[in-house]
């Protein structure tokens, strides 16, 4: 199911990636305030998008006018991720899910291998 030619499930995937990234940073006891932690997490998530975009395009999840995503796509994902992670670190709830790191690693491996193969 798609909305504006983008699968709705991708929103759940980004929620999962955001949660896993935030949990990983929290579990690693990264020193810094929520703004710094959010920036670090947003960098991780933007790098993930660099790996995921080519695979998503090849799997016909979505397309870009010139086949390659423009740089502003990655900037937009950094900004969106940053604000989502600021919210994540603003709320007080247990942020230490040991499965998060594994889920994030598997996502990176899947899209990273796909990126290298094709």
PDB file of N, CA and C in Angstrom:
ATOM      1  N   UNK A   1       0.850  -1.175   0.000  1.00  0.00           N
ATOM      2  CA  UNK A   1       0.000   0.000   0.000  1.00  0.00           C
ATOM      3  C   UNK A   1       0.894   1.236   0.000  1.00  0.00           C
ATOM      4  N   UNK A   2       0.616   2.144  -0.946  1.00  0.00           N
ATOM      5  CA  UNK A   2       1.467   3.328  -1.098  1.00  0.00           C
ATOM      6  C   UNK A   2       0.664   4.617  -0.946  1.00  0.00           C
ATOM      7  N   UNK A   3       1.354   5.631  -0.482  1.00  0.00           N
ATOM      8  CA  UNK A   3       0.821   6.978  -0.412  1.00  0.00           C
ATOM      9  C   UNK A   3       1.851   7.880  -1.075  1.00  0.00           C
ATOM     10  N   UNK A   4       1.451   8.634  -2.093  1.00  0.00           N
ATOM     11  CA  UNK A   4       2.372   9.458  -2.883  1.00  0.00           C
ATOM     12  C   UNK A   4       3.532   8.615  -3.411  1.00  0.00           C
ATOM     13  N   UNK A   5       3.218   7.430  -3.897  1.00  0.00           N
ATOM     14  CA  UNK A   5       4.183   6.495  -4.487  1.00  0.00           C
ATOM     15  C   UNK A   5       5.252   6.009  -3.514  1.00  0.00           C
ATOM     16  N   UNK A   6       4.970   6.067  -2.222  1.00  0.00           N
ATOM     17  CA  UNK A   6       5.887   5.563  -1.201  1.00  0.00           C
ATOM     18  C   UNK A   6       5.133   4.562  -0.319  1.00  0.00           C
ATOM     19  N   UNK A   7       5.701   3.379  -0.099  1.00  0.00           N
ATOM     20  CA  UNK A   7       5.017   2.395   0.755  1.00  0.00           C
ATOM     21  C   UNK A   7       4.795   2.937   2.166  1.00  0.00           C
ATOM     22  N   UNK A   8       3.587   2.731   2.684  1.00  0.00           N
ATOM     23  CA  UNK A   8       3.286   3.178   4.040  1.00  0.00           C
ATOM     24  C   UNK A   8       4.147   2.458   5.071  1.00  0.00           C
ATOM     25  N   UNK A   9       4.533   1.245   4.771  1.00  0.00           N
ATOM     26  CA  UNK A   9       5.350   0.469   5.693  1.00  0.00           C
ATOM     27  C   UNK A   9       6.712   1.117   5.938  1.00  0.00           C
ATOM     28  N   UNK A  10       7.168   1.942   5.025  1.00  0.00           N
ATOM     29  CA  UNK A  10       8.466   2.590   5.197  1.00  0.00           C
ATOM     30  C   UNK A  10       8.444   3.511   6.413  1.00  0.00           C
ATOM     31  N   UNK A  11       7.305   4.069   6.728  1.00  0.00           N
ATOM     32  CA  UNK A  11       7.184   4.893   7.933  1.00  0.00           C
ATOM     33  C   UNK A  11       7.438   4.087   9.195  1.00  0.00           C
ATOM     34  N   UNK A  12       6.912   2.871   9.224  1.00  0.00           N
ATOM     35  CA  UNK A  12       7.176   1.993  10.372  1.00  0.00           C
ATOM     36  C   UNK A  12       8.647   1.597  10.432  1.00  0.00           C
ATOM     37  N   UNK A  13       9.257   1.399   9.272  1.00  0.00           N
ATOM     38  CA  UNK A  13      10.675   1.064   9.249  1.00  0.00           C
ATOM     39  C   UNK A  13      11.503   2.221   9.800  1.00  0.00           C
ATOM     40  N   UNK A  14      11.155   3.461   9.427  1.00  0.00           N
ATOM     41  CA  UNK A  14      11.898   4.612   9.951  1.00  0.00           C
ATOM     42  C   UNK A  14      11.665   4.783  11.441  1.00  0.00           C
ATOM     43  N   UNK A  15      10.466   4.479  11.916  1.00  0.00           N
ATOM     44  CA  UNK A  15      10.212   4.515  13.356  1.00  0.00           C
ATOM     45  C   UNK A  15      11.088   3.487  14.067  1.00  0.00           C
ATOM     46  N   UNK A  16      11.190   2.296  13.484  1.00  0.00           N
ATOM     47  CA  UNK A  16      12.029   1.250  14.057  1.00  0.00           C
ATOM     48  C   UNK A  16      13.503   1.668  14.042  1.00  0.00           C
ATOM     49  N   UNK A  17      13.971   2.219  12.924  1.00  0.00           N
ATOM     50  CA  UNK A  17      15.365   2.642  12.821  1.00  0.00           C
ATOM     51  C   UNK A  17      15.650   3.774  13.817  1.00  0.00           C
ATOM     52  N   UNK A  18      14.708   4.701  13.959  1.00  0.00           N
ATOM     53  CA  UNK A  18      14.880   5.795  14.919  1.00  0.00           C
ATOM     54  C   UNK A  18      14.984   5.255  16.337  1.00  0.00           C
ATOM     55  N   UNK A  19      14.071   4.361  16.693  1.00  0.00           N
ATOM     56  CA  UNK A  19      14.075   3.777  18.032  1.00  0.00           C
ATOM     57  C   UNK A  19      15.352   2.983  18.280  1.00  0.00           C
ATOM     58  N   UNK A  20      15.738   2.177  17.319  1.00  0.00           N
ATOM     59  CA  UNK A  20      16.955   1.368  17.476  1.00  0.00           C
ATOM     60  C   UNK A  20      18.196   2.250  17.592  1.00  0.00           C
ATOM     61  N   UNK A  21      18.271   3.303  16.790  1.00  0.00           N
ATOM     62  CA  UNK A  21      19.411   4.214  16.848  1.00  0.00           C
ATOM     63  C   UNK A  21      19.457   4.913  18.204  1.00  0.00           C
ATOM     64  N   UNK A  22      18.329   5.414  18.662  1.00  0.00           N
ATOM     65  CA  UNK A  22      18.267   6.066  19.968  1.00  0.00           C
ATOM     66  C   UNK A  22      18.635   5.118  21.098  1.00  0.00           C
ATOM     67  N   UNK A  23      18.112   3.902  21.036  1.00  0.00           N
ATOM     68  CA  UNK A  23      18.440   2.908  22.063  1.00  0.00           C
ATOM     69  C   UNK A  23      19.925   2.572  22.057  1.00  0.00           C
ATOM     70  N   UNK A  24      20.494   2.418  20.880  1.00  0.00           N
ATOM     71  CA  UNK A  24      21.914   2.084  20.782  1.00  0.00           C
ATOM     72  C   UNK A  24      22.767   3.193  21.401  1.00  0.00           C
ATOM     73  N   UNK A  25      22.450   4.430  21.097  1.00  0.00           N
ATOM     74  CA  UNK A  25      23.194   5.559  21.666  1.00  0.00           C
ATOM     75  C   UNK A  25      23.024   5.601  23.183  1.00  0.00           C
ATOM     76  N   UNK A  26      21.812   5.339  23.662  1.00  0.00           N
ATOM     77  CA  UNK A  26      21.564   5.330  25.107  1.00  0.00           C
ATOM     78  C   UNK A  26      22.320   4.191  25.794  1.00  0.00           C
ATOM     79  N   UNK A  27      22.314   3.019  25.179  1.00  0.00           N
ATOM     80  CA  UNK A  27      22.982   1.865  25.788  1.00  0.00           C
ATOM     81  C   UNK A  27      24.497   2.016  25.797  1.00  0.00           C
ATOM     82  N   UNK A  28      25.037   2.718  24.819  1.00  0.00           N
ATOM     83  CA  UNK A  28      26.492   2.919  24.742  1.00  0.00           C
ATOM     84  C   UNK A  28      26.947   4.054  25.652  1.00  0.00           C
ATOM     85  N   UNK A  29      25.974   4.638  26.373  1.00  0.00           N
ATOM     86  CA  UNK A  29      26.267   5.703  27.337  1.00  0.00           C
ATOM     87  C   UNK A  29      27.052   6.847  26.697  1.00  0.00           C
ATOM     88  N   UNK A  30      26.628   7.233  25.499  1.00  0.00           N
ATOM     89  CA  UNK A  30      27.268   8.347  24.793  1.00  0.00           C
ATOM     90  C   UNK A  30      27.154   9.592  25.662  1.00  0.00           C
ATOM     91  N   UNK A  31      28.269  10.252  25.859  1.00  0.00           N
ATOM     92  CA  UNK A  31      28.302  11.442  26.695  1.00  0.00           C
ATOM     93  C   UNK A  31      27.856  12.644  25.863  1.00  0.00           C
ATOM     94  N   UNK A  32      26.965  13.414  26.413  1.00  0.00           N
ATOM     95  CA  UNK A  32      26.486  14.613  25.731  1.00  0.00           C
ATOM     96  C   UNK A  32      25.019  14.838  26.034  1.00  0.00           C
ATOM     97  N   UNK A  33      24.539  16.006  25.676  1.00  0.00           N
ATOM     98  CA  UNK A  33      23.131  16.315  25.897  1.00  0.00           C
ATOM     99  C   UNK A  33      22.290  15.713  24.774  1.00  0.00           C
ATOM    100  N   UNK A  34      20.975  15.899  24.874  1.00  0.00           N
ATOM    101  CA  UNK A  34      20.076  15.312  23.878  1.00  0.00           C
ATOM    102  C   UNK A  34      20.331  15.861  22.476  1.00  0.00           C
ATOM    103  N   UNK A  35      20.813  17.106  22.379  1.00  0.00           N
ATOM    104  CA  UNK A  35      21.071  17.713  21.077  1.00  0.00           C
ATOM    105  C   UNK A  35      22.244  17.021  20.383  1.00  0.00           C
ATOM    106  N   UNK A  36      23.289  16.748  21.153  1.00  0.00           N
ATOM    107  CA  UNK A  36      24.452  16.052  20.603  1.00  0.00           C
ATOM    108  C   UNK A  36      24.097  14.617  20.227  1.00  0.00           C
ATOM    109  N   UNK A  37      23.390  13.932  21.118  1.00  0.00           N
ATOM    110  CA  UNK A  37      22.996  12.545  20.847  1.00  0.00           C
ATOM    111  C   UNK A  37      22.092  12.460  19.617  1.00  0.00           C
ATOM    112  N   UNK A  38      21.193  13.432  19.482  1.00  0.00           N
ATOM    113  CA  UNK A  38      20.303  13.454  18.320  1.00  0.00           C
ATOM    114  C   UNK A  38      21.102  13.686  17.039  1.00  0.00           C
ATOM    115  N   UNK A  39      22.106  14.554  17.088  1.00  0.00           N
ATOM    116  CA  UNK A  39      22.935  14.814  15.905  1.00  0.00           C
ATOM    117  C   UNK A  39      23.721  13.573  15.515  1.00  0.00           C
ATOM    118  N   UNK A  40      24.281  12.885  16.498  1.00  0.00           N
ATOM    119  CA  UNK A  40      25.012  11.637  16.227  1.00  0.00           C
ATOM    120  C   UNK A  40      24.079  10.593  15.611  1.00  0.00           C
ATOM    121  N   UNK A  41      22.907  10.448  16.195  1.00  0.00           N
ATOM    122  CA  UNK A  41      21.933   9.499  15.666  1.00  0.00           C
ATOM    123  C   UNK A  41      21.474   9.867  14.268  1.00  0.00           C
ATOM    124  N   UNK A  42      21.285  11.156  14.018  1.00  0.00           N
ATOM    125  CA  UNK A  42      20.856  11.602  12.692  1.00  0.00           C
ATOM    126  C   UNK A  42      21.927  11.310  11.644  1.00  0.00           C
ATOM    127  N   UNK A  43      23.195  11.428  12.011  1.00  0.00           N
ATOM    128  CA  UNK A  43      24.277  11.050  11.088  1.00  0.00           C
ATOM    129  C   UNK A  43      24.211   9.567  10.760  1.00  0.00           C
ATOM    130  N   UNK A  44      23.985   8.746  11.776  1.00  0.00           N
ATOM    131  CA  UNK A  44      23.858   7.302  11.557  1.00  0.00           C
ATOM    132  C   UNK A  44      22.696   7.010  10.627  1.00  0.00           C
ATOM    133  N   UNK A  45      21.565   7.667  10.869  1.00  0.00           N
ATOM    134  CA  UNK A  45      20.378   7.421  10.062  1.00  0.00           C
ATOM    135  C   UNK A  45      20.530   7.951   8.634  1.00  0.00           C
ATOM    136  N   UNK A  46      21.216   9.067   8.467  1.00  0.00           N
ATOM    137  CA  UNK A  46      21.455   9.585   7.113  1.00  0.00           C
ATOM    138  C   UNK A  46      22.370   8.634   6.348  1.00  0.00           C
ATOM    139  N   UNK A  47      23.384   8.091   7.024  1.00  0.00           N
ATOM    140  CA  UNK A  47      24.260   7.109   6.380  1.00  0.00           C
ATOM    141  C   UNK A  47      23.461   5.864   5.998  1.00  0.00           C
ATOM    142  N   UNK A  48      22.555   5.454   6.873  1.00  0.00           N
ATOM    143  CA  UNK A  48      21.687   4.321   6.551  1.00  0.00           C
ATOM    144  C   UNK A  48      20.888   4.611   5.287  1.00  0.00           C
ATOM    145  N   UNK A  49      20.385   5.825   5.161  1.00  0.00           N
ATOM    146  CA  UNK A  49      19.599   6.187   3.979  1.00  0.00           C
ATOM    147  C   UNK A  49      20.443   6.138   2.710  1.00  0.00           C
ATOM    148  N   UNK A  50      21.720   6.497   2.826  1.00  0.00           N
ATOM    149  CA  UNK A  50      22.624   6.400   1.663  1.00  0.00           C
ATOM    150  C   UNK A  50      22.698   4.960   1.173  1.00  0.00           C
ATOM    151  N   UNK A  51      22.694   4.007   2.088  1.00  0.00           N
ATOM    152  CA  UNK A  51      22.725   2.589   1.709  1.00  0.00           C
ATOM    153  C   UNK A  51      21.351   2.100   1.239  1.00  0.00           C
ATOM    154  N   UNK A  52      20.299   2.575   1.880  1.00  0.00           N
ATOM    155  CA  UNK A  52      18.955   2.057   1.613  1.00  0.00           C
ATOM    156  C   UNK A  52      18.349   2.568   0.307  1.00  0.00           C
ATOM    157  N   UNK A  53      18.609   3.814  -0.036  1.00  0.00           N
ATOM    158  CA  UNK A  53      17.971   4.413  -1.220  1.00  0.00           C
ATOM    159  C   UNK A  53      18.193   3.604  -2.504  1.00  0.00           C
ATOM    160  N   UNK A  54      19.435   3.247  -2.864  1.00  0.00           N
ATOM    161  CA  UNK A  54      19.621   2.501  -4.114  1.00  0.00           C
ATOM    162  C   UNK A  54      18.874   1.163  -4.126  1.00  0.00           C
ATOM    163  N   UNK A  55      18.857   0.486  -2.984  1.00  0.00           N
ATOM    164  CA  UNK A  55      18.142  -0.789  -2.902  1.00  0.00           C
ATOM    165  C   UNK A  55      16.647  -0.573  -3.044  1.00  0.00           C
ATOM    166  N   UNK A  56      16.115   0.436  -2.356  1.00  0.00           N
ATOM    167  CA  UNK A  56      14.684   0.729  -2.444  1.00  0.00           C
ATOM    168  C   UNK A  56      14.277   1.069  -3.871  1.00  0.00           C
ATOM    169  N   UNK A  57      15.130   1.788  -4.573  1.00  0.00           N
ATOM    170  CA  UNK A  57      14.837   2.139  -5.968  1.00  0.00           C
ATOM    171  C   UNK A  57      14.822   0.871  -6.827  1.00  0.00           C
ATOM    172  N   UNK A  58      15.823   0.011  -6.638  1.00  0.00           N
ATOM    173  CA  UNK A  58      15.880  -1.240  -7.421  1.00  0.00           C
ATOM    174  C   UNK A  58      14.704  -2.159  -7.129  1.00  0.00           C
ATOM    175  N   UNK A  59      14.190  -2.126  -5.904  1.00  0.00           N
ATOM    176  CA  UNK A  59      13.054  -2.966  -5.524  1.00  0.00           C
ATOM    177  C   UNK A  59      11.713  -2.295  -5.842  1.00  0.00           C
ATOM    178  N   UNK A  60      11.764  -1.193  -6.584  1.00  0.00           N
ATOM    179  CA  UNK A  60      10.567  -0.457  -6.996  1.00  0.00           C
ATOM    180  C   UNK A  60       9.714   0.018  -5.824  1.00  0.00           C
ATOM    181  N   UNK A  61      10.375   0.337  -4.714  1.00  0.00           N
ATOM    182  CA  UNK A  61       9.636   0.902  -3.590  1.00  0.00           C
ATOM    183  C   UNK A  61       9.250   2.344  -3.900  1.00  0.00           C
ATOM    184  N   UNK A  62      10.131   3.046  -4.599  1.00  0.00           N
ATOM    185  CA  UNK A  62       9.874   4.392  -5.083  1.00  0.00           C
ATOM    186  C   UNK A  62      10.902   4.722  -6.143  1.00  0.00           C
ATOM    187  N   UNK A  63      10.762   5.875  -6.737  1.00  0.00           N
ATOM    188  CA  UNK A  63      11.712   6.263  -7.781  1.00  0.00           C
ATOM    189  C   UNK A  63      11.981   7.758  -7.666  1.00  0.00           C
ATOM    190  N   UNK A  64      13.045   8.161  -8.337  1.00  0.00           N
ATOM    191  CA  UNK A  64      13.417   9.562  -8.407  1.00  0.00           C
ATOM    192  C   UNK A  64      13.421   9.974  -9.866  1.00  0.00           C
ATOM    193  N   UNK A  65      13.227  11.240 -10.111  1.00  0.00           N
ATOM    194  CA  UNK A  65      13.120  11.740 -11.471  1.00  0.00           C
ATOM    195  C   UNK A  65      14.356  11.387 -12.305  1.00  0.00           C
ATOM    196  N   UNK A  66      15.530  11.539 -11.763  1.00  0.00           N
ATOM    197  CA  UNK A  66      16.763  11.237 -12.491  1.00  0.00           C
ATOM    198  C   UNK A  66      17.403   9.933 -12.023  1.00  0.00           C
ATOM    199  N   UNK A  67      16.618   9.029 -11.477  1.00  0.00           N
ATOM    200  CA  UNK A  67      17.028   7.729 -10.966  1.00  0.00           C
ATOM    201  C   UNK A  67      17.822   7.798  -9.671  1.00  0.00           C
ATOM    202  N   UNK A  68      18.627   8.822  -9.477  1.00  0.00           N
ATOM    203  CA  UNK A  68      19.404   8.943  -8.248  1.00  0.00           C
ATOM    204  C   UNK A  68      18.775   9.985  -7.333  1.00  0.00           C
ATOM    205  N   UNK A  69      18.732   9.687  -6.029  1.00  0.00           N
ATOM    206  CA  UNK A  69      18.164  10.672  -5.112  1.00  0.00           C
ATOM    207  C   UNK A  69      19.028  11.923  -5.061  1.00  0.00           C
ATOM    208  N   UNK A  70      18.410  13.083  -4.998  1.00  0.00           N
ATOM    209  CA  UNK A  70      19.192  14.317  -4.885  1.00  0.00           C
ATOM    210  C   UNK A  70      19.788  14.446  -3.479  1.00  0.00           C
ATOM    211  N   UNK A  71      20.833  15.236  -3.372  1.00  0.00           N
ATOM    212  CA  UNK A  71      21.503  15.428  -2.094  1.00  0.00           C
ATOM    213  C   UNK A  71      20.543  15.941  -1.022  1.00  0.00           C
ATOM    214  N   UNK A  72      19.582  16.774  -1.426  1.00  0.00           N
ATOM    215  CA  UNK A  72      18.649  17.320  -0.438  1.00  0.00           C
ATOM    216  C   UNK A  72      17.801  16.238   0.219  1.00  0.00           C
ATOM    217  N   UNK A  73      17.652  15.074  -0.427  1.00  0.00           N
ATOM    218  CA  UNK A  73      16.958  13.961   0.207  1.00  0.00           C
ATOM    219  C   UNK A  73      17.677  13.551   1.488  1.00  0.00           C
ATOM    220  N   UNK A  74      18.997  13.455   1.420  1.00  0.00           N
ATOM    221  CA  UNK A  74      19.779  13.041   2.588  1.00  0.00           C
ATOM    222  C   UNK A  74      19.799  14.133   3.651  1.00  0.00           C
ATOM    223  N   UNK A  75      19.829  15.377   3.216  1.00  0.00           N
ATOM    224  CA  UNK A  75      19.767  16.492   4.160  1.00  0.00           C
ATOM    225  C   UNK A  75      18.416  16.472   4.875  1.00  0.00           C
ATOM    226  N   UNK A  76      17.351  16.246   4.119  1.00  0.00           N
ATOM    227  CA  UNK A  76      16.008  16.200   4.707  1.00  0.00           C
ATOM    228  C   UNK A  76      15.890  15.058   5.702  1.00  0.00           C
ATOM    229  N   UNK A  77      16.463  13.900   5.367  1.00  0.00           N
ATOM    230  CA  UNK A  77      16.405  12.777   6.304  1.00  0.00           C
ATOM    231  C   UNK A  77      17.237  13.050   7.543  1.00  0.00           C
ATOM    232  N   UNK A  78      18.364  13.746   7.390  1.00  0.00           N
ATOM    233  CA  UNK A  78      19.155  14.124   8.564  1.00  0.00           C
ATOM    234  C   UNK A  78      18.324  15.024   9.471  1.00  0.00           C
ATOM    235  N   UNK A  79      17.687  16.028   8.888  1.00  0.00           N
ATOM    236  CA  UNK A  79      16.904  16.979   9.679  1.00  0.00           C
ATOM    237  C   UNK A  79      15.713  16.286  10.344  1.00  0.00           C
ATOM    238  N   UNK A  80      14.980  15.484   9.580  1.00  0.00           N
ATOM    239  CA  UNK A  80      13.832  14.763  10.145  1.00  0.00           C
ATOM    240  C   UNK A  80      14.288  13.818  11.256  1.00  0.00           C
ATOM    241  N   UNK A  81      15.375  13.090  11.010  1.00  0.00           N
ATOM    242  CA  UNK A  81      15.902  12.164  12.014  1.00  0.00           C
ATOM    243  C   UNK A  81      16.341  12.910  13.266  1.00  0.00           C
ATOM    244  N   UNK A  82      16.977  14.051  13.058  1.00  0.00           N
ATOM    245  CA  UNK A  82      17.448  14.856  14.186  1.00  0.00           C
ATOM    246  C   UNK A  82      16.288  15.222  15.109  1.00  0.00           C
ATOM    247  N   UNK A  83      15.212  15.744  14.531  1.00  0.00           N
ATOM    248  CA  UNK A  83      14.083  16.157  15.361  1.00  0.00           C
ATOM    249  C   UNK A  83      13.373  14.968  15.997  1.00  0.00           C
ATOM    250  N   UNK A  84      13.276  13.859  15.282  1.00  0.00           N
ATOM    251  CA  UNK A  84      12.690  12.652  15.883  1.00  0.00           C
ATOM    252  C   UNK A  84      13.528  12.170  17.063  1.00  0.00           C
ATOM    253  N   UNK A  85      14.844  12.236  16.915  1.00  0.00           N
ATOM    254  CA  UNK A  85      15.717  11.785  18.002  1.00  0.00           C
ATOM    255  C   UNK A  85      15.756  12.778  19.165  1.00  0.00           C
ATOM    256  N   UNK A  86      15.603  14.066  18.888  1.00  0.00           N
ATOM    257  CA  UNK A  86      15.472  15.026  19.993  1.00  0.00           C
ATOM    258  C   UNK A  86      14.244  14.666  20.818  1.00  0.00           C
ATOM    259  N   UNK A  87      13.141  14.352  20.147  1.00  0.00           N
ATOM    260  CA  UNK A  87      11.939  13.913  20.865  1.00  0.00           C
ATOM    261  C   UNK A  87      12.207  12.633  21.643  1.00  0.00           C
ATOM    262  N   UNK A  88      12.863  11.692  20.994  1.00  0.00           N
ATOM    263  CA  UNK A  88      13.184  10.414  21.623  1.00  0.00           C
ATOM    264  C   UNK A  88      13.960  10.639  22.919  1.00  0.00           C
ATOM    265  N   UNK A  89      14.991  11.472  22.866  1.00  0.00           N
ATOM    266  CA  UNK A  89      15.812  11.701  24.046  1.00  0.00           C
ATOM    267  C   UNK A  89      15.159  12.651  25.047  1.00  0.00           C
ATOM    268  N   UNK A  90      14.094  13.335  24.658  1.00  0.00           N
ATOM    269  CA  UNK A  90      13.386  14.232  25.572  1.00  0.00           C
ATOM    270  C   UNK A  90      12.452  13.485  26.504  1.00  0.00           C
ATOM    271  N   UNK A  91      11.934  12.370  26.051  1.00  0.00           N
ATOM    272  CA  UNK A  91      10.994  11.606  26.864  1.00  0.00           C
ATOM    273  C   UNK A  91      11.739  10.695  27.832  1.00  0.00           C
ATOM    274  N   UNK A  92      11.128  10.524  28.992  1.00  0.00           N
ATOM    275  CA  UNK A  92      11.740   9.644  29.988  1.00  0.00           C
ATOM    276  C   UNK A  92      11.045   8.286  29.942  1.00  0.00           C
ATOM    277  N   UNK A  93      11.709   7.366  29.353  1.00  0.00           N
ATOM    278  CA  UNK A  93      11.295   5.971  29.340  1.00  0.00           C
ATOM    279  C   UNK A  93      12.551   5.133  29.191  1.00  0.00           C
ATOM    280  N   UNK A  94      12.443   3.865  29.472  1.00  0.00           N
ATOM    281  CA  UNK A  94      13.610   2.990  29.396  1.00  0.00           C
ATOM    282  C   UNK A  94      14.073   2.921  27.938  1.00  0.00           C
ATOM    283  N   UNK A  95      15.322   3.272  27.727  1.00  0.00           N
ATOM    284  CA  UNK A  95      15.874   3.339  26.372  1.00  0.00           C
ATOM    285  C   UNK A  95      16.989   2.312  26.200  1.00  0.00           C
ATOM    286  N   UNK A  96      16.840   1.183  26.820  1.00  0.00           N
ATOM    287  CA  UNK A  96      17.899   0.185  26.736  1.00  0.00           C
ATOM    288  C   UNK A  96      17.316  -1.169  26.336  1.00  0.00           C
ATOM    289  N   UNK A  97      17.060  -1.300  25.059  1.00  0.00           N
ATOM    290  CA  UNK A  97      16.562  -2.552  24.519  1.00  0.00           C
ATOM    291  C   UNK A  97      17.728  -3.263  23.848  1.00  0.00           C
ATOM    292  N   UNK A  98      18.184  -4.386  24.394  1.00  0.00           N
ATOM    293  CA  UNK A  98      19.369  -5.064  23.845  1.00  0.00           C
ATOM    294  C   UNK A  98      19.171  -5.589  22.421  1.00  0.00           C
ATOM    295  N   UNK A  99      17.956  -5.707  21.966  1.00  0.00           N
ATOM    296  CA  UNK A  99      17.693  -6.189  20.615  1.00  0.00           C
ATOM    297  C   UNK A  99      17.926  -5.074  19.584  1.00  0.00           C
ATOM    298  N   UNK A 100      17.851  -3.832  20.025  1.00  0.00           N
ATOM    299  CA  UNK A 100      17.963  -2.691  19.116  1.00  0.00           C
ATOM    300  C   UNK A 100      19.245  -2.704  18.294  1.00  0.00           C
ATOM    301  N   UNK A 101      20.354  -2.959  18.936  1.00  0.00           N
ATOM    302  CA  UNK A 101      21.631  -2.982  18.223  1.00  0.00           C
ATOM    303  C   UNK A 101      21.660  -4.041  17.143  1.00  0.00           C
ATOM    304  N   UNK A 102      21.084  -5.194  17.445  1.00  0.00           N
ATOM    305  CA  UNK A 102      21.051  -6.291  16.458  1.00  0.00           C
ATOM    306  C   UNK A 102      20.146  -5.952  15.284  1.00  0.00           C
ATOM    307  N   UNK A 103      18.993  -5.359  15.567  1.00  0.00           N
ATOM    308  CA  UNK A 103      18.077  -4.966  14.490  1.00  0.00           C
ATOM    309  C   UNK A 103      18.747  -3.943  13.584  1.00  0.00           C
ATOM    310  N   UNK A 104      19.399  -2.961  14.189  1.00  0.00           N
ATOM    311  CA  UNK A 104      20.091  -1.937  13.415  1.00  0.00           C
ATOM    312  C   UNK A 104      21.209  -2.552  12.585  1.00  0.00           C
ATOM    313  N   UNK A 105      21.977  -3.447  13.183  1.00  0.00           N
ATOM    314  CA  UNK A 105      23.055  -4.119  12.465  1.00  0.00           C
ATOM    315  C   UNK A 105      22.505  -4.916  11.281  1.00  0.00           C
ATOM    316  N   UNK A 106      21.425  -5.649  11.486  1.00  0.00           N
ATOM    317  CA  UNK A 106      20.834  -6.435  10.399  1.00  0.00           C
ATOM    318  C   UNK A 106      20.309  -5.541   9.277  1.00  0.00           C
ATOM    319  N   UNK A 107      19.721  -4.412   9.626  1.00  0.00           N
ATOM    320  CA  UNK A 107      19.252  -3.470   8.605  1.00  0.00           C
ATOM    321  C   UNK A 107      20.436  -2.947   7.794  1.00  0.00           C
ATOM    322  N   UNK A 108      21.504  -2.555   8.497  1.00  0.00           N
ATOM    323  CA  UNK A 108      22.700  -2.062   7.808  1.00  0.00           C
ATOM    324  C   UNK A 108      23.315  -3.143   6.933  1.00  0.00           C
ATOM    325  N   UNK A 109      23.366  -4.374   7.440  1.00  0.00           N
ATOM    326  CA  UNK A 109      23.940  -5.467   6.645  1.00  0.00           C
ATOM    327  C   UNK A 109      23.100  -5.735   5.400  1.00  0.00           C
ATOM    328  N   UNK A 110      21.792  -5.805   5.564  1.00  0.00           N
ATOM    329  CA  UNK A 110      20.927  -6.081   4.426  1.00  0.00           C
ATOM    330  C   UNK A 110      21.111  -5.026   3.336  1.00  0.00           C
ATOM    331  N   UNK A 111      20.951  -3.763   3.708  1.00  0.00           N
ATOM    332  CA  UNK A 111      21.051  -2.709   2.704  1.00  0.00           C
ATOM    333  C   UNK A 111      22.491  -2.494   2.254  1.00  0.00           C
ATOM    334  N   UNK A 112      23.450  -2.690   3.145  1.00  0.00           N
ATOM    335  CA  UNK A 112      24.854  -2.544   2.767  1.00  0.00           C
ATOM    336  C   UNK A 112      25.290  -3.593   1.764  1.00  0.00           C
ATOM    337  N   UNK A 113      24.891  -4.833   1.981  1.00  0.00           N
ATOM    338  CA  UNK A 113      25.230  -5.907   1.032  1.00  0.00           C
ATOM    339  C   UNK A 113      24.548  -5.654  -0.302  1.00  0.00           C
ATOM    340  N   UNK A 114      23.283  -5.255  -0.265  1.00  0.00           N
ATOM    341  CA  UNK A 114      22.554  -4.931  -1.487  1.00  0.00           C
ATOM    342  C   UNK A 114      23.252  -3.794  -2.234  1.00  0.00           C
ATOM    343  N   UNK A 115      23.713  -2.800  -1.478  1.00  0.00           N
ATOM    344  CA  UNK A 115      24.401  -1.656  -2.073  1.00  0.00           C
ATOM    345  C   UNK A 115      25.682  -2.106  -2.773  1.00  0.00           C
ATOM    346  N   UNK A 116      26.430  -2.999  -2.139  1.00  0.00           N
ATOM    347  CA  UNK A 116      27.697  -3.473  -2.725  1.00  0.00           C
ATOM    348  C   UNK A 116      27.499  -4.409  -3.907  1.00  0.00           C
ATOM    349  N   UNK A 117      26.445  -5.198  -3.874  1.00  0.00           N
ATOM    350  CA  UNK A 117      26.193  -6.182  -4.938  1.00  0.00           C
ATOM    351  C   UNK A 117      25.748  -5.504  -6.229  1.00  0.00           C
ATOM    352  N   UNK A 118      24.892  -4.520  -6.093  1.00  0.00           N
ATOM    353  CA  UNK A 118      24.310  -3.914  -7.294  1.00  0.00           C
ATOM    354  C   UNK A 118      24.913  -2.607  -7.552  1.00  0.00           C
TER     355      UNK A 118
END
